[in-house]
Amino acid sequence: MPNSHQVSASIDDVLQNLANGKYVADRSLATVIHLALNMQRPLFLEGEAGVGKTEIAKVLSATLDRPLVRLQCYEGLDINTAVYEWNYTRQMIEIRIAEAAGDTNRDRLSKDMFDPEFLIKRPLLKALESHEGKSPVLLIDELDRADEAFEAYLLEVLSDYQITIPELGTIKAAEPPIVIITSNRTREIHDALKRRCLYHWVDYPDALRELEILKLKAPDATEKLSNEVVLFVQELRRNPEVFKQPGIAETIDWTNALTQLDRVSLAPEIVSDTLGVLLKYQDDITRIQGSEASDILRKVQTEMDQIG
């Protein structure tokens, strides 16, 4: 059993927790999660979009019974949105009420206006609070979309798990949150931030693991359809002309869509009709539709014949 400072007892414990959350992970990922949990270090997950990075934080939140605090990053993200801001409307109302009551003590009013009750807590500040004795899981999603200035601001948060508010002072977490940071690598994240984290590259799964994922996430699909979908997607990812390779999320969506259409196996016409579920760029769809899809299906059928 874990001691008071441990979150997971072993790598196998992490694998079991992920499996309980219907997440199929390899041992290397479970190892780095185990280390991040018990060393109380942020975990930086990098990889292509759709490989399951965000889902890891969600599963950890559910299986460890901790609240999930999510910060979705985007260009222009600032402290007011990510950390905190003062409720200026309430402050102005309180000032008007005080003035109407004849209270003109400016120093006292100024101090009262920056009471914590007027503070609007955003995700990073919320993540420093414990909930029923447990720190939350903080997901900083797609950090590569944020500006470098915001990335620099995170250094204090990730180094000491604290935030400085000029009017109140420094707020420090009683227990560090479990921090998961994801990046789709649209730009490089600075080394200063990476040094504060443990790192793992989340890659596309191999065929066997992707088939396991489909059994969990698309259980209504026939075994034949699941096998054909996985082989088709794996072949598609090897095609250097495809601009955006389909992620695991697209594989699951495509399988469920085919199941909704009562398909038990792949055929050229149904592949062409549903490629918009699997591929998200028109150039890729145009490139694969027709003869290219038929060629991939022939390879899939050959592999299926060899398997069984």
Protein backbone atom coordinates (compact mmCIF):
# COMPACT_ATOMS: atom_id res chain seq x y z
CA MET A 1 0.00 0.00 0.00
CA PRO A 2 1.23 3.54 -0.67
CA ASN A 3 2.52 5.54 2.27
CA SER A 4 1.25 9.05 3.05
CA HIS A 5 3.47 10.55 0.36
CA GLN A 6 2.75 7.99 -2.32
CA VAL A 7 -0.08 8.17 -4.82
CA SER A 8 0.65 4.89 -6.59
CA ALA A 9 2.21 1.85 -4.97
CA SER A 10 3.83 0.49 -8.13
CA ILE A 11 3.95 0.64 -11.90
CA ASP A 12 1.48 -2.24 -11.99
CA ASP A 13 -0.81 -0.15 -9.78
CA VAL A 14 -0.73 2.63 -12.38
CA LEU A 15 -1.38 0.17 -15.21
CA GLN A 16 -4.38 -1.20 -13.31
CA ASN A 17 -5.74 2.28 -12.59
CA LEU A 18 -5.44 3.23 -16.25
CA ALA A 19 -7.10 -0.03 -17.27
CA ASN A 20 -9.92 0.68 -14.81
CA GLY A 21 -10.40 3.98 -16.63
CA LYS A 22 -10.43 2.14 -20.00
CA TYR A 23 -7.05 3.53 -20.99
CA VAL A 24 -4.64 1.08 -22.63
CA ALA A 25 -1.09 2.13 -21.80
CA ASP A 26 2.33 0.60 -22.37
CA ARG A 27 4.68 0.05 -19.46
CA SER A 28 6.96 2.98 -20.29
CA LEU A 29 4.04 5.42 -19.95
CA ALA A 30 2.90 3.77 -16.71
CA THR A 31 6.47 4.04 -15.37
CA VAL A 32 6.77 7.78 -15.95
CA ILE A 33 3.29 8.38 -14.50
CA HIS A 34 4.26 6.38 -11.40
CA LEU A 35 7.41 8.46 -11.00
CA ALA A 36 5.62 11.77 -11.56
CA LEU A 37 2.97 10.91 -8.96
CA ASN A 38 5.40 9.86 -6.26
CA MET A 39 8.14 12.41 -6.96
CA GLN A 40 5.48 15.17 -7.10
CA ARG A 41 6.82 16.40 -10.43
CA PRO A 42 4.77 17.74 -13.35
CA LEU A 43 4.45 15.31 -16.26
CA PHE A 44 5.02 16.81 -19.71
CA LEU A 45 3.33 14.75 -22.43
CA GLU A 46 4.21 15.52 -26.02
CA GLY A 47 2.86 13.90 -29.17
CA GLU A 48 0.61 14.29 -32.17
CA ALA A 49 -2.98 15.42 -31.68
CA GLY A 50 -5.38 12.58 -30.96
CA VAL A 51 -2.98 10.09 -29.37
CA GLY A 52 -4.62 10.23 -25.92
CA LYS A 53 -2.54 12.75 -23.96
CA THR A 54 -5.49 14.68 -22.51
CA GLU A 55 -7.31 11.46 -21.66
CA ILE A 56 -4.50 10.47 -19.28
CA ALA A 57 -5.31 13.41 -16.99
CA LYS A 58 -9.03 12.62 -17.13
CA VAL A 59 -8.45 8.97 -16.25
CA LEU A 60 -6.09 9.84 -13.37
CA SER A 61 -8.69 12.24 -12.00
CA ALA A 62 -11.41 9.58 -12.12
CA THR A 63 -9.39 6.62 -10.84
CA LEU A 64 -7.60 8.55 -8.07
CA ASP A 65 -10.88 10.25 -7.08
CA ARG A 66 -9.49 13.76 -7.42
CA PRO A 67 -11.13 16.79 -9.05
CA LEU A 68 -9.90 17.71 -12.51
CA VAL A 69 -8.89 21.35 -13.02
CA ARG A 70 -8.37 22.01 -16.72
CA LEU A 71 -6.63 24.98 -18.29
CA GLN A 72 -7.12 24.97 -22.06
CA CYS A 73 -4.33 27.04 -23.59
CA TYR A 74 -4.66 29.36 -26.58
CA GLU A 75 -2.86 32.31 -28.11
CA GLY A 76 -3.29 35.39 -25.92
CA LEU A 77 -4.00 33.45 -22.71
CA ASP A 78 -3.26 35.78 -19.80
CA ILE A 79 -3.16 35.83 -15.99
CA ASN A 80 -6.74 37.10 -15.69
CA THR A 81 -8.02 34.02 -17.51
CA ALA A 82 -5.54 31.45 -16.24
CA VAL A 83 -4.75 32.49 -12.66
CA TYR A 84 -7.04 35.06 -11.05
CA GLU A 85 -8.74 38.41 -11.38
CA TRP A 86 -10.50 40.79 -9.04
CA ASN A 87 -14.26 41.11 -9.18
CA TYR A 88 -14.25 44.79 -10.07
CA THR A 89 -18.03 45.02 -10.35
CA ARG A 90 -18.53 43.80 -6.79
CA GLN A 91 -15.73 46.05 -5.56
CA MET A 92 -17.36 49.12 -7.10
CA ILE A 93 -20.72 48.21 -5.59
CA GLU A 94 -19.14 47.86 -2.14
CA ILE A 95 -17.43 51.25 -2.52
CA ARG A 96 -20.73 52.92 -3.50
CA ILE A 97 -22.48 51.29 -0.54
CA ALA A 98 -19.73 52.45 1.84
CA GLU A 99 -19.84 56.00 0.45
CA ALA A 100 -23.62 56.09 0.77
CA ALA A 101 -23.26 55.03 4.42
CA GLY A 102 -20.80 57.85 5.00
CA ASP A 103 -17.69 55.69 5.25
CA THR A 104 -14.88 57.79 3.77
CA ASN A 105 -11.87 56.03 5.28
CA ARG A 106 -9.94 55.47 2.05
CA ASP A 107 -7.18 53.33 3.56
CA ARG A 108 -9.65 50.91 5.13
CA LEU A 109 -11.80 50.82 2.00
CA SER A 110 -8.76 50.09 -0.16
CA LYS A 111 -7.75 47.24 2.14
CA ASP A 112 -11.27 45.80 2.28
CA MET A 113 -11.65 45.89 -1.50
CA PHE A 114 -8.79 43.40 -1.86
CA ASP A 115 -10.25 40.88 0.53
CA PRO A 116 -10.16 37.27 -0.77
CA GLU A 117 -13.96 37.31 -1.09
CA PHE A 118 -13.54 39.58 -4.14
CA LEU A 119 -11.04 37.25 -5.77
CA ILE A 120 -12.18 35.24 -8.80
CA LYS A 121 -10.11 32.07 -8.89
CA ARG A 122 -9.09 30.75 -12.28
CA PRO A 123 -7.70 27.23 -12.98
CA LEU A 124 -4.09 27.70 -11.80
CA LEU A 125 -5.16 29.23 -8.48
CA LYS A 126 -7.90 26.65 -7.99
CA ALA A 127 -5.32 23.90 -8.52
CA LEU A 128 -3.46 25.01 -5.37
CA GLU A 129 -6.49 24.21 -3.20
CA SER A 130 -7.16 20.83 -1.64
CA HIS A 131 -10.57 19.22 -1.94
CA GLU A 132 -11.54 16.94 0.93
CA GLY A 133 -7.87 16.54 1.79
CA LYS A 134 -6.78 15.71 -1.75
CA SER A 135 -5.02 17.95 -4.23
CA PRO A 136 -6.58 18.07 -7.70
CA VAL A 137 -5.28 16.91 -11.06
CA LEU A 138 -4.23 20.03 -12.97
CA LEU A 139 -4.36 19.60 -16.74
CA ILE A 140 -2.55 22.32 -18.69
CA ASP A 141 -3.71 21.32 -22.15
CA GLU A 142 -1.95 22.22 -25.41
CA LEU A 143 0.63 24.52 -23.85
CA ASP A 144 2.24 24.99 -27.27
CA ARG A 145 -0.78 27.13 -28.25
CA ALA A 146 -0.04 29.69 -25.51
CA ASP A 147 2.47 32.51 -25.79
CA GLU A 148 6.02 32.19 -24.47
CA ALA A 149 5.29 34.91 -21.90
CA PHE A 150 2.64 32.74 -20.28
CA GLU A 151 4.96 29.74 -20.42
CA ALA A 152 7.51 31.80 -18.46
CA TYR A 153 4.88 32.69 -15.86
CA LEU A 154 4.33 28.98 -15.21
CA LEU A 155 7.88 28.57 -13.93
CA GLU A 156 7.03 29.84 -10.44
CA VAL A 157 3.89 27.73 -10.29
CA LEU A 158 5.67 24.54 -11.34
CA SER A 159 8.80 25.13 -9.25
CA ASP A 160 7.21 25.91 -5.88
CA TYR A 161 3.49 25.29 -6.44
CA GLN A 162 2.76 28.83 -5.42
CA ILE A 163 1.28 31.99 -6.90
CA THR A 164 2.05 35.55 -5.85
CA ILE A 165 -0.84 38.02 -5.77
CA PRO A 166 0.49 41.55 -5.08
CA GLU A 167 -2.50 42.60 -2.97
CA LEU A 168 -2.60 39.41 -0.89
CA GLY A 169 0.89 37.92 -0.92
CA THR A 170 1.99 34.41 -1.84
CA ILE A 171 -0.48 31.52 -1.93
CA LYS A 172 1.16 28.11 -1.68
CA ALA A 173 -0.38 24.67 -2.09
CA ALA A 174 -0.52 22.60 1.09
CA GLU A 175 -0.05 19.55 -1.14
CA PRO A 176 1.18 19.88 -4.74
CA PRO A 177 -1.42 19.11 -7.39
CA ILE A 178 -0.87 16.31 -9.88
CA VAL A 179 0.18 18.28 -12.96
CA ILE A 180 -0.21 16.99 -16.51
CA ILE A 181 1.00 19.27 -19.31
CA THR A 182 0.31 18.40 -22.93
CA SER A 183 1.75 19.72 -26.18
CA ASN A 184 1.05 18.87 -29.82
CA ARG A 185 4.48 20.31 -30.67
CA THR A 186 3.25 23.09 -32.94
CA ARG A 187 6.18 24.96 -31.38
CA GLU A 188 9.02 24.01 -29.07
CA ILE A 189 8.49 24.48 -25.33
CA HIS A 190 11.38 26.22 -23.56
CA ASP A 191 13.98 24.06 -21.79
CA ALA A 192 13.47 25.95 -18.51
CA LEU A 193 9.94 24.59 -18.25
CA LYS A 194 10.82 21.10 -19.47
CA ARG A 195 13.53 20.81 -16.79
CA ARG A 196 10.84 21.13 -14.13
CA CYS A 197 8.94 18.17 -15.55
CA LEU A 198 9.28 14.50 -16.28
CA TYR A 199 8.89 13.92 -20.02
CA HIS A 200 7.18 11.32 -22.17
CA TRP A 201 6.48 11.16 -25.88
CA VAL A 202 3.03 9.65 -26.48
CA ASP A 203 3.19 7.90 -29.83
CA TYR A 204 0.58 6.28 -32.03
CA PRO A 205 -0.16 2.77 -30.75
CA ASP A 206 0.92 -0.33 -32.59
CA ALA A 207 -1.77 -2.54 -34.14
CA LEU A 208 -2.21 -4.83 -31.14
CA ARG A 209 -2.65 -1.98 -28.67
CA GLU A 210 -4.97 -0.09 -31.00
CA LEU A 211 -7.10 -3.22 -31.29
CA GLU A 212 -7.25 -3.42 -27.48
CA ILE A 213 -8.39 0.20 -27.40
CA LEU A 214 -11.17 -0.51 -29.89
CA LYS A 215 -12.41 -3.44 -27.81
CA LEU A 216 -12.88 -1.02 -24.92
CA LYS A 217 -14.07 2.09 -26.79
CA ALA A 218 -16.05 0.51 -29.65
CA PRO A 219 -17.33 -2.74 -28.11
CA ASP A 220 -20.24 -3.12 -30.56
CA ALA A 221 -17.97 -3.49 -33.58
CA THR A 222 -17.42 -6.98 -34.94
CA GLU A 223 -14.00 -8.51 -34.50
CA LYS A 224 -13.50 -8.53 -38.26
CA LEU A 225 -14.40 -4.86 -38.62
CA SER A 226 -12.13 -3.84 -35.73
CA ASN A 227 -9.21 -5.75 -37.23
CA GLU A 228 -9.76 -4.26 -40.67
CA VAL A 229 -10.09 -0.73 -39.31
CA VAL A 230 -6.87 -1.03 -37.31
CA LEU A 231 -4.93 -2.44 -40.26
CA PHE A 232 -6.33 0.27 -42.55
CA VAL A 233 -5.42 3.08 -40.14
CA GLN A 234 -1.96 1.64 -39.48
CA GLU A 235 -1.33 1.50 -43.24
CA LEU A 236 -2.64 5.05 -43.63
CA ARG A 237 -0.20 6.32 -41.01
CA ARG A 238 2.68 4.88 -43.00
CA ASN A 239 1.67 6.94 -46.04
CA PRO A 240 4.08 9.92 -46.21
CA GLU A 241 1.66 11.89 -48.40
CA VAL A 242 -1.02 12.09 -45.71
CA PHE A 243 -0.76 15.57 -44.15
CA LYS A 244 -2.56 14.79 -40.87
CA GLN A 245 -2.44 11.19 -39.76
CA PRO A 246 -5.53 9.96 -37.93
CA GLY A 247 -5.19 9.68 -34.16
CA ILE A 248 -6.69 7.11 -31.83
CA ALA A 249 -9.75 9.32 -31.35
CA GLU A 250 -10.42 9.20 -35.12
CA THR A 251 -9.96 5.43 -35.18
CA ILE A 252 -12.58 5.07 -32.44
CA ASP A 253 -14.96 7.52 -34.13
CA TRP A 254 -14.64 5.76 -37.49
CA THR A 255 -15.27 2.34 -35.99
CA ASN A 256 -18.34 3.58 -34.13
CA ALA A 257 -19.61 5.32 -37.29
CA LEU A 258 -19.21 2.14 -39.33
CA THR A 259 -21.02 0.21 -36.60
CA GLN A 260 -23.87 2.74 -36.73
CA LEU A 261 -24.11 1.98 -40.46
CA ASP A 262 -24.39 -1.76 -39.64
CA ARG A 263 -21.10 -2.56 -41.32
CA VAL A 264 -19.34 -5.79 -40.35
CA SER A 265 -16.38 -5.26 -42.69
CA LEU A 266 -14.78 -2.62 -44.91
CA ALA A 267 -15.55 -2.10 -48.58
CA PRO A 268 -14.25 0.54 -51.03
CA GLU A 269 -17.53 2.46 -51.27
CA ILE A 270 -18.11 2.71 -47.50
CA VAL A 271 -14.50 3.79 -46.94
CA SER A 272 -14.86 6.62 -49.48
CA ASP A 273 -18.23 7.67 -48.02
CA THR A 274 -16.95 7.88 -44.43
CA LEU A 275 -13.40 9.18 -44.83
CA GLY A 276 -14.50 12.52 -43.35
CA VAL A 277 -14.80 10.78 -39.98
CA LEU A 278 -11.22 9.53 -40.19
CA LEU A 279 -9.43 12.35 -42.02
CA LYS A 280 -9.90 16.06 -41.31
CA TYR A 281 -8.26 17.70 -44.32
CA GLN A 282 -9.91 17.77 -47.76
CA ASP A 283 -6.58 17.27 -49.53
CA ASP A 284 -6.04 14.05 -47.55
CA ILE A 285 -9.57 12.84 -48.30
CA THR A 286 -9.18 13.55 -52.02
CA ARG A 287 -5.80 11.81 -52.04
CA ILE A 288 -7.08 8.65 -50.34
CA GLN A 289 -10.53 8.32 -51.92
CA GLY A 290 -10.89 5.97 -54.86
CA SER A 291 -7.91 3.95 -56.06
CA GLU A 292 -5.67 4.70 -53.06
CA ALA A 293 -8.33 3.45 -50.64
CA SER A 294 -8.83 0.36 -52.77
CA ASP A 295 -5.08 -0.34 -52.74
CA ILE A 296 -4.97 -0.04 -48.94
CA LEU A 297 -8.00 -2.33 -48.64
CA ARG A 298 -6.28 -4.98 -50.76
CA LYS A 299 -3.26 -4.84 -48.43
CA VAL A 300 -5.60 -5.11 -45.44
CA GLN A 301 -7.33 -8.13 -46.93
CA THR A 302 -3.99 -9.80 -47.64
CA GLU A 303 -2.94 -9.27 -44.01
CA MET A 304 -6.31 -10.56 -42.78
CA ASP A 305 -5.87 -13.72 -44.87
CA GLN A 306 -2.41 -14.23 -43.37
CA ILE A 307 -3.76 -13.74 -39.84
CA GLY A 308 -6.60 -16.13 -40.13
